[in-house]
Every structure is written in structure tokens, then in C-alpha cells.
Amino acid sequence: QVQLVESGGGLVQAGGSLRLSCEASGRTFSNVAMGWFRLAPGKERDFVAGIRWSGGRTAYADSVKGRFTISRENAKNTVYLQMNSLRPEDTAVYYCAAATTSYRGLLYARYYDYWGQGTQVTVSS
């Protein structure tokens, strides 16, 4: 089992920045990838960013490229999402996810085995 705890969400004005953190505990030695997804009211859960634990390959949704950066800190089993130039349309609950069984890619929710509880990000105009 892997437990994921997100933190860092909050309320920010458009153009501002936030950094989300996701700390993994439990069977973290088996993590192969971690990602961030978001769920906005009335919309489907969308991929935001992902990172492969070995090698650090990353992927981003087109809507966040150039604004968001995903990174990892292996010693702390933690993944971060630095969000800059935030827009009202970034408002959502952000979820951290971990893949532990095998690496199948980064883009789709079905590639991940464990999920956090989510952290709210609200961007005001």
C-alpha cells in the first residue's frame, strides 16, 4: 500500500503562484511514476503533469505547458507541482497519483494505482 498526502492548495489571484506537494509513504520503493490530475466542477478529471521516478521524464497537459513544473525529491518520496501564472480556469481540486506496478506512461488515470485525497486550488479573477 502507498499513501499519498497532498498539501499547498489555497486561494490565489490570477497571475499568482502556488506550489503543491505530495508526499508518498508506505511501499514507496516501488513507485515508478507520479502525476497530478485535476477535477473542476462539471468537468472530467484531467491530466495535468506526470514524472517518471527513474530518469525524471516529464509530461504536461497543453493547457499548463510553460506555466507548471513537476519535480521530485527522491529522498523525501515527494513530488511537487509548481504552478505559475495561474488563471481562473486552473481552479479545481488537484489530485496526486502514484504508479507502482509498472511504467505504462504518464498521461492517463488508468496508469496509476494510488490516489491522494485532493487539495483545492482556487484562482480568483
C-alpha atoms as a PDB file:
ATOM      1  CA  GLN A   1       0.000   0.000   0.000  1.00  0.00           C
ATOM      2  CA  VAL A   2       1.035   3.555  -0.721  1.00  0.00           C
ATOM      3  CA  GLN A   3      -0.433   6.584   0.993  1.00  0.00           C
ATOM      4  CA  LEU A   4      -0.372   9.972  -0.701  1.00  0.00           C
ATOM      5  CA  VAL A   5      -0.901  13.263   1.106  1.00  0.00           C
ATOM      6  CA  GLU A   6      -1.236  16.499  -0.860  1.00  0.00           C
ATOM      7  CA  SER A   7      -0.675  19.973   0.510  1.00  0.00           C
ATOM      8  CA  GLY A   8      -0.188  23.509  -0.731  1.00  0.00           C
ATOM      9  CA  GLY A   9      -3.556  24.352  -2.212  1.00  0.00           C
ATOM     10  CA  GLY A  10      -5.350  27.569  -1.490  1.00  0.00           C
ATOM     11  CA  LEU A  11      -6.805  30.778  -2.864  1.00  0.00           C
ATOM     12  CA  VAL A  12      -4.692  32.952  -5.136  1.00  0.00           C
ATOM     13  CA  GLN A  13      -5.322  35.809  -7.533  1.00  0.00           C
ATOM     14  CA  ALA A  14      -4.919  35.379 -11.246  1.00  0.00           C
ATOM     15  CA  GLY A  15      -1.270  35.666 -12.210  1.00  0.00           C
ATOM     16  CA  GLY A  16      -0.126  34.321  -8.880  1.00  0.00           C
ATOM     17  CA  SER A  17       1.714  31.140  -7.956  1.00  0.00           C
ATOM     18  CA  LEU A  18       1.250  28.100  -5.756  1.00  0.00           C
ATOM     19  CA  ARG A  19       3.346  25.014  -5.107  1.00  0.00           C
ATOM     20  CA  LEU A  20       1.627  21.738  -4.422  1.00  0.00           C
ATOM     21  CA  SER A  21       3.379  18.917  -2.624  1.00  0.00           C
ATOM     22  CA  CYS A  22       2.563  15.225  -2.484  1.00  0.00           C
ATOM     23  CA  GLU A  23       4.351  13.022  -0.005  1.00  0.00           C
ATOM     24  CA  ALA A  24       4.235   9.283  -0.511  1.00  0.00           C
ATOM     25  CA  SER A  25       4.567   6.791   2.329  1.00  0.00           C
ATOM     26  CA  GLY A  26       4.281   3.050   2.617  1.00  0.00           C
ATOM     27  CA  ARG A  27       5.661   0.900  -0.206  1.00  0.00           C
ATOM     28  CA  THR A  28       7.338   3.872  -1.822  1.00  0.00           C
ATOM     29  CA  PHE A  29      10.311   1.867  -3.029  1.00  0.00           C
ATOM     30  CA  SER A  30       8.041   0.551  -5.759  1.00  0.00           C
ATOM     31  CA  ASN A  31       6.996   3.934  -7.145  1.00  0.00           C
ATOM     32  CA  VAL A  32       7.625   4.102 -10.863  1.00  0.00           C
ATOM     33  CA  ALA A  33       5.788   7.322 -11.703  1.00  0.00           C
ATOM     34  CA  MET A  34       3.746  10.047 -10.099  1.00  0.00           C
ATOM     35  CA  GLY A  35       1.335  12.502 -11.558  1.00  0.00           C
ATOM     36  CA  TRP A  36      -1.098  15.316 -10.928  1.00  0.00           C
ATOM     37  CA  PHE A  37      -4.667  15.413 -12.159  1.00  0.00           C
ATOM     38  CA  ARG A  38      -7.403  17.942 -11.553  1.00  0.00           C
ATOM     39  CA  LEU A  39     -11.168  17.907 -11.335  1.00  0.00           C
ATOM     40  CA  ALA A  40     -13.170  21.065 -11.880  1.00  0.00           C
ATOM     41  CA  PRO A  41     -16.928  21.352 -11.279  1.00  0.00           C
ATOM     42  CA  GLY A  42     -18.888  19.984 -14.202  1.00  0.00           C
ATOM     43  CA  LYS A  43     -15.798  18.616 -15.928  1.00  0.00           C
ATOM     44  CA  GLU A  44     -13.982  15.332 -16.179  1.00  0.00           C
ATOM     45  CA  ARG A  45     -10.780  14.581 -14.332  1.00  0.00           C
ATOM     46  CA  ASP A  46      -7.909  15.870 -16.462  1.00  0.00           C
ATOM     47  CA  PHE A  47      -4.221  15.036 -16.584  1.00  0.00           C
ATOM     48  CA  VAL A  48      -2.023  17.965 -15.549  1.00  0.00           C
ATOM     49  CA  ALA A  49       1.553  16.679 -15.291  1.00  0.00           C
ATOM     50  CA  GLY A  50       3.491  13.491 -14.642  1.00  0.00           C
ATOM     51  CA  ILE A  51       7.027  12.380 -13.913  1.00  0.00           C
ATOM     52  CA  ARG A  52       8.773   9.046 -14.201  1.00  0.00           C
ATOM     53  CA  TRP A  53      10.615   8.272 -10.995  1.00  0.00           C
ATOM     54  CA  SER A  54      13.629   6.762 -12.730  1.00  0.00           C
ATOM     55  CA  GLY A  55      15.204   9.183 -15.154  1.00  0.00           C
ATOM     56  CA  GLY A  56      12.792  12.029 -14.460  1.00  0.00           C
ATOM     57  CA  ARG A  57      10.950  12.058 -17.786  1.00  0.00           C
ATOM     58  CA  THR A  58       8.061  14.511 -17.591  1.00  0.00           C
ATOM     59  CA  ALA A  59       4.834  15.199 -19.457  1.00  0.00           C
ATOM     60  CA  TYR A  60       2.394  18.109 -19.314  1.00  0.00           C
ATOM     61  CA  ALA A  61      -1.076  18.924 -20.500  1.00  0.00           C
ATOM     62  CA  ASP A  62      -1.032  21.523 -23.257  1.00  0.00           C
ATOM     63  CA  SER A  63      -3.036  23.904 -21.087  1.00  0.00           C
ATOM     64  CA  VAL A  64      -0.286  24.129 -18.456  1.00  0.00           C
ATOM     65  CA  LYS A  65       2.886  23.887 -20.530  1.00  0.00           C
ATOM     66  CA  GLY A  66       5.231  26.757 -19.785  1.00  0.00           C
ATOM     67  CA  ARG A  67       3.370  27.633 -16.581  1.00  0.00           C
ATOM     68  CA  PHE A  68       3.540  24.495 -14.423  1.00  0.00           C
ATOM     69  CA  THR A  69       6.588  22.437 -13.495  1.00  0.00           C
ATOM     70  CA  ILE A  70       6.581  18.994 -11.933  1.00  0.00           C
ATOM     71  CA  SER A  71       9.591  17.795  -9.972  1.00  0.00           C
ATOM     72  CA  ARG A  72      10.512  15.111  -7.481  1.00  0.00           C
ATOM     73  CA  GLU A  73      12.678  14.785  -4.414  1.00  0.00           C
ATOM     74  CA  ASN A  74      13.655  11.145  -4.160  1.00  0.00           C
ATOM     75  CA  ALA A  75      14.971  11.276  -0.606  1.00  0.00           C
ATOM     76  CA  LYS A  76      11.634  12.578   0.640  1.00  0.00           C
ATOM     77  CA  ASN A  77       9.447  10.489  -1.687  1.00  0.00           C
ATOM     78  CA  THR A  78       7.790  13.743  -2.609  1.00  0.00           C
ATOM     79  CA  VAL A  79       6.593  15.196  -5.871  1.00  0.00           C
ATOM     80  CA  TYR A  80       5.920  18.893  -6.382  1.00  0.00           C
ATOM     81  CA  LEU A  81       3.839  20.915  -8.808  1.00  0.00           C
ATOM     82  CA  GLN A  82       4.987  24.497  -9.173  1.00  0.00           C
ATOM     83  CA  MET A  83       2.148  26.492 -10.670  1.00  0.00           C
ATOM     84  CA  ASN A  84       2.877  29.960 -12.035  1.00  0.00           C
ATOM     85  CA  SER A  85       0.784  32.466 -13.962  1.00  0.00           C
ATOM     86  CA  LEU A  86      -2.358  30.902 -12.579  1.00  0.00           C
ATOM     87  CA  ARG A  87      -5.645  31.516 -14.336  1.00  0.00           C
ATOM     88  CA  PRO A  88      -9.233  31.246 -13.123  1.00  0.00           C
ATOM     89  CA  GLU A  89      -9.657  28.184 -15.343  1.00  0.00           C
ATOM     90  CA  ASP A  90      -6.996  26.416 -13.251  1.00  0.00           C
ATOM     91  CA  THR A  91      -9.474  26.327 -10.375  1.00  0.00           C
ATOM     92  CA  ALA A  92     -10.026  22.692  -9.419  1.00  0.00           C
ATOM     93  CA  VAL A  93      -9.313  20.015  -6.889  1.00  0.00           C
ATOM     94  CA  TYR A  94      -5.833  18.710  -7.626  1.00  0.00           C
ATOM     95  CA  TYR A  95      -5.068  15.048  -7.030  1.00  0.00           C
ATOM     96  CA  CYS A  96      -1.726  13.328  -6.715  1.00  0.00           C
ATOM     97  CA  ALA A  97      -1.372   9.817  -8.114  1.00  0.00           C
ATOM     98  CA  ALA A  98       1.287   7.111  -7.987  1.00  0.00           C
ATOM     99  CA  ALA A  99       2.009   4.205 -10.274  1.00  0.00           C
ATOM    100  CA  THR A 100       3.668   1.264  -8.540  1.00  0.00           C
ATOM    101  CA  THR A 101       3.135  -1.845 -10.608  1.00  0.00           C
ATOM    102  CA  SER A 102       4.787  -0.974 -13.904  1.00  0.00           C
ATOM    103  CA  TYR A 103       5.510   2.001 -16.095  1.00  0.00           C
ATOM    104  CA  ARG A 104       2.895   2.366 -18.807  1.00  0.00           C
ATOM    105  CA  GLY A 105       3.124   6.080 -19.402  1.00  0.00           C
ATOM    106  CA  LEU A 106       2.097   9.264 -17.660  1.00  0.00           C
ATOM    107  CA  LEU A 107      -0.986  10.678 -19.349  1.00  0.00           C
ATOM    108  CA  TYR A 108      -3.916   8.539 -18.278  1.00  0.00           C
ATOM    109  CA  ALA A 109      -5.521   7.935 -14.902  1.00  0.00           C
ATOM    110  CA  ARG A 110      -5.640   4.193 -15.564  1.00  0.00           C
ATOM    111  CA  TYR A 111      -1.830   4.092 -15.464  1.00  0.00           C
ATOM    112  CA  TYR A 112      -1.850   4.985 -11.753  1.00  0.00           C
ATOM    113  CA  ASP A 113      -2.555   2.720  -8.810  1.00  0.00           C
ATOM    114  CA  TYR A 114      -2.948   5.050  -5.834  1.00  0.00           C
ATOM    115  CA  TRP A 115      -4.560   8.441  -5.336  1.00  0.00           C
ATOM    116  CA  GLY A 116      -4.470  11.168  -2.741  1.00  0.00           C
ATOM    117  CA  GLN A 117      -7.476  12.905  -1.224  1.00  0.00           C
ATOM    118  CA  GLY A 118      -7.024  16.082  -3.232  1.00  0.00           C
ATOM    119  CA  THR A 119      -6.275  19.710  -2.462  1.00  0.00           C
ATOM    120  CA  GLN A 120      -8.383  22.661  -3.584  1.00  0.00           C
ATOM    121  CA  VAL A 121      -6.861  25.348  -5.764  1.00  0.00           C
ATOM    122  CA  THR A 122      -8.969  28.439  -6.357  1.00  0.00           C
ATOM    123  CA  VAL A 123      -7.823  31.237  -8.664  1.00  0.00           C
ATOM    124  CA  SER A 124      -9.787  34.463  -8.480  1.00  0.00           C
ATOM    125  CA  SER A 125     -10.036  36.897 -11.370  1.00  0.00           C
END
